[in-house]
Amino acid sequence: MFKSRLTMILSSAAAMVPIVLYFYLYSRLPDFVPIHYTGATADRFVNKWSVDVAMLCLLGWLGFGFMRLLQFLLRKIFLSSYIHNLASIHRIWNAATLLVTAAFAAISVCALLAMM
């Protein structure tokens, strides 16, 4: 499905950054980390090994999966126009997938760094 191998590699690398950062920062994190804020005040704390923190680290993969699912569904719905504009659609989707994956991964990284 992915025509550009480079886009697939870059998207995967961007999605892996929060996971690698979490394992790197794990020993430095306090036992309870803030997971939700109201304004500037933290109002929910969880253990650093909780599912909430793991889900936060997986946001990049969530963005990647969402874009792949959206591409699949739109291709099924608009098959005739998809085939007609195949080259331009692939370039647009590759760029959009990389952008969304990187944005979700950046959100994860910012949240992990705020836990320090």
N, C-alpha and C. Protein backbone atom coordinates (compact mmCIF):
# COMPACT_ATOMS: atom_id res chain seq x y z
N MET A 1 0.81 -1.20 0.00
CA MET A 1 0.00 0.00 0.00
C MET A 1 0.85 1.26 0.00
N PHE A 2 1.88 1.26 0.77
CA PHE A 2 2.76 2.42 0.83
C PHE A 2 3.68 2.36 -0.38
N LYS A 3 3.63 3.38 -1.21
CA LYS A 3 4.49 3.41 -2.38
C LYS A 3 5.87 3.96 -2.03
N SER A 4 5.93 4.77 -1.01
CA SER A 4 7.21 5.37 -0.65
C SER A 4 7.76 4.69 0.61
N ARG A 5 8.80 3.94 0.43
CA ARG A 5 9.43 3.24 1.56
C ARG A 5 10.01 4.23 2.56
N LEU A 6 10.52 5.34 2.06
CA LEU A 6 11.10 6.35 2.92
C LEU A 6 10.04 6.93 3.86
N THR A 7 8.84 7.17 3.35
CA THR A 7 7.77 7.69 4.20
C THR A 7 7.40 6.69 5.28
N MET A 8 7.34 5.43 4.93
CA MET A 8 7.03 4.38 5.91
C MET A 8 8.11 4.34 7.00
N ILE A 9 9.36 4.43 6.62
CA ILE A 9 10.45 4.39 7.58
C ILE A 9 10.43 5.62 8.48
N LEU A 10 10.23 6.80 7.88
CA LEU A 10 10.19 8.03 8.68
C LEU A 10 8.99 8.06 9.62
N SER A 11 7.84 7.59 9.16
CA SER A 11 6.65 7.55 10.02
C SER A 11 6.86 6.58 11.18
N SER A 12 7.45 5.45 10.91
CA SER A 12 7.73 4.47 11.97
C SER A 12 8.74 5.03 12.97
N ALA A 13 9.75 5.70 12.46
CA ALA A 13 10.76 6.30 13.36
C ALA A 13 10.14 7.38 14.23
N ALA A 14 9.29 8.22 13.64
CA ALA A 14 8.63 9.28 14.41
C ALA A 14 7.72 8.68 15.48
N ALA A 15 7.05 7.60 15.18
CA ALA A 15 6.16 6.97 16.14
C ALA A 15 6.94 6.27 17.26
N MET A 16 8.18 5.87 16.99
CA MET A 16 8.99 5.19 18.00
C MET A 16 9.67 6.15 18.98
N VAL A 17 9.81 7.42 18.61
CA VAL A 17 10.51 8.38 19.46
C VAL A 17 9.91 8.46 20.87
N PRO A 18 8.58 8.60 21.04
CA PRO A 18 8.05 8.67 22.41
C PRO A 18 8.29 7.40 23.22
N ILE A 19 8.26 6.26 22.58
CA ILE A 19 8.47 4.99 23.29
C ILE A 19 9.92 4.91 23.77
N VAL A 20 10.85 5.24 22.90
CA VAL A 20 12.27 5.22 23.27
C VAL A 20 12.53 6.26 24.37
N LEU A 21 11.93 7.43 24.25
CA LEU A 21 12.10 8.48 25.26
C LEU A 21 11.55 8.03 26.61
N TYR A 22 10.42 7.35 26.60
CA TYR A 22 9.83 6.86 27.85
C TYR A 22 10.79 5.89 28.54
N PHE A 23 11.35 4.94 27.81
CA PHE A 23 12.28 3.99 28.42
C PHE A 23 13.55 4.69 28.90
N TYR A 24 13.96 5.73 28.19
CA TYR A 24 15.14 6.48 28.60
C TYR A 24 14.86 7.26 29.89
N LEU A 25 13.69 7.87 29.98
CA LEU A 25 13.35 8.70 31.14
C LEU A 25 12.76 7.92 32.31
N TYR A 26 12.47 6.65 32.14
CA TYR A 26 11.75 5.89 33.14
C TYR A 26 12.41 5.97 34.52
N SER A 27 13.69 5.80 34.60
CA SER A 27 14.37 5.81 35.91
C SER A 27 14.39 7.20 36.53
N ARG A 28 14.26 8.23 35.71
CA ARG A 28 14.28 9.61 36.22
C ARG A 28 12.90 10.12 36.61
N LEU A 29 11.85 9.46 36.16
CA LEU A 29 10.49 9.90 36.46
C LEU A 29 10.16 9.64 37.93
N PRO A 30 9.36 10.51 38.56
CA PRO A 30 8.92 10.21 39.92
C PRO A 30 7.94 9.03 39.89
N ASP A 31 7.66 8.44 41.04
CA ASP A 31 6.77 7.28 41.08
C ASP A 31 5.37 7.62 40.58
N PHE A 32 4.88 8.80 40.91
CA PHE A 32 3.58 9.25 40.43
C PHE A 32 3.79 10.47 39.54
N VAL A 33 3.26 10.39 38.31
CA VAL A 33 3.44 11.46 37.34
C VAL A 33 2.10 12.11 37.04
N PRO A 34 2.10 13.41 36.75
CA PRO A 34 0.84 14.08 36.39
C PRO A 34 0.40 13.67 34.99
N ILE A 35 -0.85 13.32 34.85
CA ILE A 35 -1.36 12.89 33.55
C ILE A 35 -2.45 13.82 33.01
N HIS A 36 -3.01 14.66 33.87
CA HIS A 36 -4.04 15.59 33.43
C HIS A 36 -3.90 16.91 34.17
N TYR A 37 -4.10 17.98 33.44
CA TYR A 37 -3.99 19.31 34.01
C TYR A 37 -5.30 20.08 33.80
N THR A 38 -5.64 20.90 34.79
CA THR A 38 -6.70 21.89 34.64
C THR A 38 -6.01 23.23 34.75
N GLY A 39 -5.87 23.88 33.62
CA GLY A 39 -5.08 25.10 33.59
C GLY A 39 -3.62 24.74 33.79
N ALA A 40 -3.00 25.33 34.79
CA ALA A 40 -1.58 25.04 35.08
C ALA A 40 -1.43 24.09 36.25
N THR A 41 -2.56 23.60 36.80
CA THR A 41 -2.53 22.75 37.98
C THR A 41 -2.80 21.29 37.60
N ALA A 42 -1.91 20.41 38.04
CA ALA A 42 -2.12 18.98 37.80
C ALA A 42 -3.21 18.49 38.73
N ASP A 43 -4.20 17.79 38.15
CA ASP A 43 -5.30 17.31 38.98
C ASP A 43 -5.49 15.79 38.92
N ARG A 44 -4.61 15.10 38.20
CA ARG A 44 -4.68 13.63 38.17
C ARG A 44 -3.27 13.08 38.06
N PHE A 45 -2.94 12.17 38.96
CA PHE A 45 -1.62 11.55 38.97
C PHE A 45 -1.78 10.04 38.85
N VAL A 46 -0.87 9.40 38.15
CA VAL A 46 -0.87 7.95 37.99
C VAL A 46 0.55 7.43 38.22
N ASN A 47 0.67 6.12 38.43
CA ASN A 47 1.99 5.50 38.52
C ASN A 47 2.70 5.62 37.19
N LYS A 48 4.01 5.71 37.23
CA LYS A 48 4.76 5.88 35.99
C LYS A 48 4.70 4.65 35.09
N TRP A 49 4.24 3.52 35.61
CA TRP A 49 4.13 2.31 34.80
C TRP A 49 2.68 2.00 34.44
N SER A 50 1.77 2.98 34.59
CA SER A 50 0.36 2.72 34.34
C SER A 50 0.04 2.66 32.84
N VAL A 51 -1.15 2.18 32.56
CA VAL A 51 -1.63 2.08 31.19
C VAL A 51 -1.79 3.47 30.57
N ASP A 52 -2.15 4.46 31.38
CA ASP A 52 -2.32 5.81 30.87
C ASP A 52 -1.03 6.35 30.27
N VAL A 53 0.07 6.12 30.91
CA VAL A 53 1.37 6.58 30.41
C VAL A 53 1.75 5.78 29.17
N ALA A 54 1.46 4.50 29.16
CA ALA A 54 1.75 3.68 27.98
C ALA A 54 0.93 4.15 26.77
N MET A 55 -0.33 4.48 26.99
CA MET A 55 -1.17 4.98 25.91
C MET A 55 -0.66 6.32 25.39
N LEU A 56 -0.15 7.14 26.28
CA LEU A 56 0.42 8.41 25.88
C LEU A 56 1.62 8.18 24.95
N CYS A 57 2.41 7.18 25.26
CA CYS A 57 3.58 6.87 24.43
C CYS A 57 3.18 6.31 23.06
N LEU A 58 2.00 5.76 22.97
CA LEU A 58 1.56 5.15 21.71
C LEU A 58 0.78 6.10 20.82
N LEU A 59 0.71 7.38 21.15
CA LEU A 59 -0.03 8.34 20.33
C LEU A 59 0.49 8.42 18.90
N GLY A 60 1.78 8.32 18.71
CA GLY A 60 2.35 8.35 17.36
C GLY A 60 1.83 7.20 16.51
N TRP A 61 1.79 6.01 17.11
CA TRP A 61 1.27 4.85 16.39
C TRP A 61 -0.22 4.99 16.14
N LEU A 62 -0.93 5.64 17.06
CA LEU A 62 -2.36 5.88 16.88
C LEU A 62 -2.59 6.79 15.67
N GLY A 63 -1.81 7.86 15.56
CA GLY A 63 -1.92 8.74 14.41
C GLY A 63 -1.59 8.03 13.11
N PHE A 64 -0.56 7.20 13.13
CA PHE A 64 -0.17 6.43 11.95
C PHE A 64 -1.29 5.48 11.54
N GLY A 65 -1.83 4.75 12.51
CA GLY A 65 -2.92 3.81 12.23
C GLY A 65 -4.17 4.51 11.73
N PHE A 66 -4.49 5.66 12.31
CA PHE A 66 -5.66 6.42 11.88
C PHE A 66 -5.52 6.84 10.42
N MET A 67 -4.36 7.33 10.04
CA MET A 67 -4.16 7.77 8.66
C MET A 67 -4.21 6.59 7.68
N ARG A 68 -3.67 5.47 8.08
CA ARG A 68 -3.72 4.29 7.21
C ARG A 68 -5.16 3.80 7.04
N LEU A 69 -5.93 3.79 8.12
CA LEU A 69 -7.34 3.39 8.05
C LEU A 69 -8.13 4.37 7.20
N LEU A 70 -7.90 5.64 7.38
CA LEU A 70 -8.60 6.65 6.59
C LEU A 70 -8.27 6.52 5.11
N GLN A 71 -7.03 6.26 4.80
CA GLN A 71 -6.64 6.07 3.40
C GLN A 71 -7.35 4.86 2.81
N PHE A 72 -7.41 3.77 3.55
CA PHE A 72 -8.07 2.56 3.09
C PHE A 72 -9.55 2.81 2.83
N LEU A 73 -10.23 3.48 3.78
CA LEU A 73 -11.66 3.73 3.63
C LEU A 73 -11.95 4.68 2.47
N LEU A 74 -11.17 5.74 2.34
CA LEU A 74 -11.40 6.68 1.25
C LEU A 74 -11.12 6.05 -0.11
N ARG A 75 -10.15 5.15 -0.16
CA ARG A 75 -9.87 4.46 -1.42
C ARG A 75 -11.05 3.59 -1.82
N LYS A 76 -11.68 2.92 -0.86
CA LYS A 76 -12.84 2.08 -1.16
C LYS A 76 -14.03 2.91 -1.61
N ILE A 77 -14.22 4.08 -0.99
CA ILE A 77 -15.37 4.91 -1.32
C ILE A 77 -15.20 5.59 -2.67
N PHE A 78 -14.02 6.12 -2.95
CA PHE A 78 -13.77 6.88 -4.16
C PHE A 78 -12.83 6.14 -5.10
N LEU A 79 -13.11 4.89 -5.38
CA LEU A 79 -12.21 4.04 -6.15
C LEU A 79 -11.92 4.59 -7.55
N SER A 80 -12.93 5.04 -8.27
CA SER A 80 -12.70 5.48 -9.65
C SER A 80 -11.82 6.72 -9.71
N SER A 81 -12.06 7.71 -8.86
CA SER A 81 -11.22 8.90 -8.88
C SER A 81 -9.85 8.61 -8.27
N TYR A 82 -9.78 7.63 -7.37
CA TYR A 82 -8.50 7.24 -6.79
C TYR A 82 -7.57 6.68 -7.86
N ILE A 83 -8.09 5.82 -8.71
CA ILE A 83 -7.28 5.21 -9.76
C ILE A 83 -6.86 6.27 -10.78
N HIS A 84 -7.74 7.21 -11.07
CA HIS A 84 -7.45 8.25 -12.05
C HIS A 84 -6.31 9.17 -11.58
N ASN A 85 -6.23 9.47 -10.30
CA ASN A 85 -5.23 10.39 -9.76
C ASN A 85 -4.25 9.68 -8.83
N LEU A 86 -3.86 8.49 -9.16
CA LEU A 86 -3.09 7.63 -8.27
C LEU A 86 -1.76 8.25 -7.81
N ALA A 87 -0.98 8.80 -8.70
CA ALA A 87 0.35 9.32 -8.31
C ALA A 87 0.23 10.50 -7.36
N SER A 88 -0.63 11.44 -7.67
CA SER A 88 -0.75 12.62 -6.80
C SER A 88 -1.36 12.25 -5.45
N ILE A 89 -2.31 11.34 -5.45
CA ILE A 89 -2.93 10.92 -4.19
C ILE A 89 -1.91 10.24 -3.29
N HIS A 90 -1.06 9.41 -3.84
CA HIS A 90 -0.03 8.75 -3.02
C HIS A 90 0.94 9.75 -2.42
N ARG A 91 1.35 10.75 -3.17
CA ARG A 91 2.25 11.76 -2.62
C ARG A 91 1.58 12.53 -1.49
N ILE A 92 0.32 12.89 -1.69
CA ILE A 92 -0.41 13.64 -0.65
C ILE A 92 -0.60 12.79 0.60
N TRP A 93 -1.00 11.54 0.43
CA TRP A 93 -1.23 10.68 1.59
C TRP A 93 0.06 10.36 2.32
N ASN A 94 1.15 10.17 1.59
CA ASN A 94 2.44 9.93 2.24
C ASN A 94 2.84 11.12 3.10
N ALA A 95 2.69 12.31 2.55
CA ALA A 95 3.04 13.51 3.30
C ALA A 95 2.11 13.70 4.50
N ALA A 96 0.81 13.49 4.29
CA ALA A 96 -0.15 13.65 5.39
C ALA A 96 0.08 12.62 6.48
N THR A 97 0.38 11.39 6.11
CA THR A 97 0.63 10.35 7.11
C THR A 97 1.86 10.70 7.94
N LEU A 98 2.91 11.12 7.29
CA LEU A 98 4.11 11.51 8.01
C LEU A 98 3.85 12.70 8.92
N LEU A 99 3.12 13.68 8.45
CA LEU A 99 2.82 14.87 9.23
C LEU A 99 1.97 14.54 10.46
N VAL A 100 0.93 13.75 10.29
CA VAL A 100 0.06 13.40 11.42
C VAL A 100 0.81 12.53 12.43
N THR A 101 1.58 11.56 11.95
CA THR A 101 2.35 10.71 12.85
C THR A 101 3.36 11.53 13.65
N ALA A 102 4.06 12.43 12.97
CA ALA A 102 5.04 13.27 13.66
C ALA A 102 4.36 14.21 14.66
N ALA A 103 3.20 14.74 14.31
CA ALA A 103 2.49 15.64 15.23
C ALA A 103 2.03 14.90 16.48
N PHE A 104 1.48 13.71 16.32
CA PHE A 104 1.05 12.93 17.48
C PHE A 104 2.24 12.52 18.33
N ALA A 105 3.35 12.16 17.69
CA ALA A 105 4.55 11.80 18.44
C ALA A 105 5.09 13.02 19.19
N ALA A 106 5.03 14.19 18.59
CA ALA A 106 5.49 15.41 19.26
C ALA A 106 4.63 15.72 20.49
N ILE A 107 3.34 15.50 20.39
CA ILE A 107 2.46 15.68 21.55
C ILE A 107 2.88 14.73 22.67
N SER A 108 3.18 13.49 22.32
CA SER A 108 3.62 12.52 23.32
C SER A 108 4.93 12.94 23.97
N VAL A 109 5.87 13.40 23.17
CA VAL A 109 7.17 13.81 23.70
C VAL A 109 7.00 14.99 24.64
N CYS A 110 6.20 15.98 24.24
CA CYS A 110 5.97 17.15 25.12
C CYS A 110 5.34 16.72 26.43
N ALA A 111 4.38 15.82 26.37
CA ALA A 111 3.72 15.35 27.59
C ALA A 111 4.69 14.58 28.48
N LEU A 112 5.54 13.75 27.88
CA LEU A 112 6.52 13.00 28.67
C LEU A 112 7.53 13.93 29.33
N LEU A 113 7.96 14.92 28.60
CA LEU A 113 8.92 15.87 29.18
C LEU A 113 8.28 16.72 30.27
N ALA A 114 6.99 16.97 30.17
CA ALA A 114 6.29 17.73 31.22
C ALA A 114 6.14 16.91 32.50
N MET A 115 6.28 15.60 32.41
CA MET A 115 6.16 14.74 33.59
C MET A 115 7.41 14.79 34.47
N MET A 116 8.50 15.30 33.92
CA MET A 116 9.76 15.32 34.68
C MET A 116 9.70 16.26 35.84
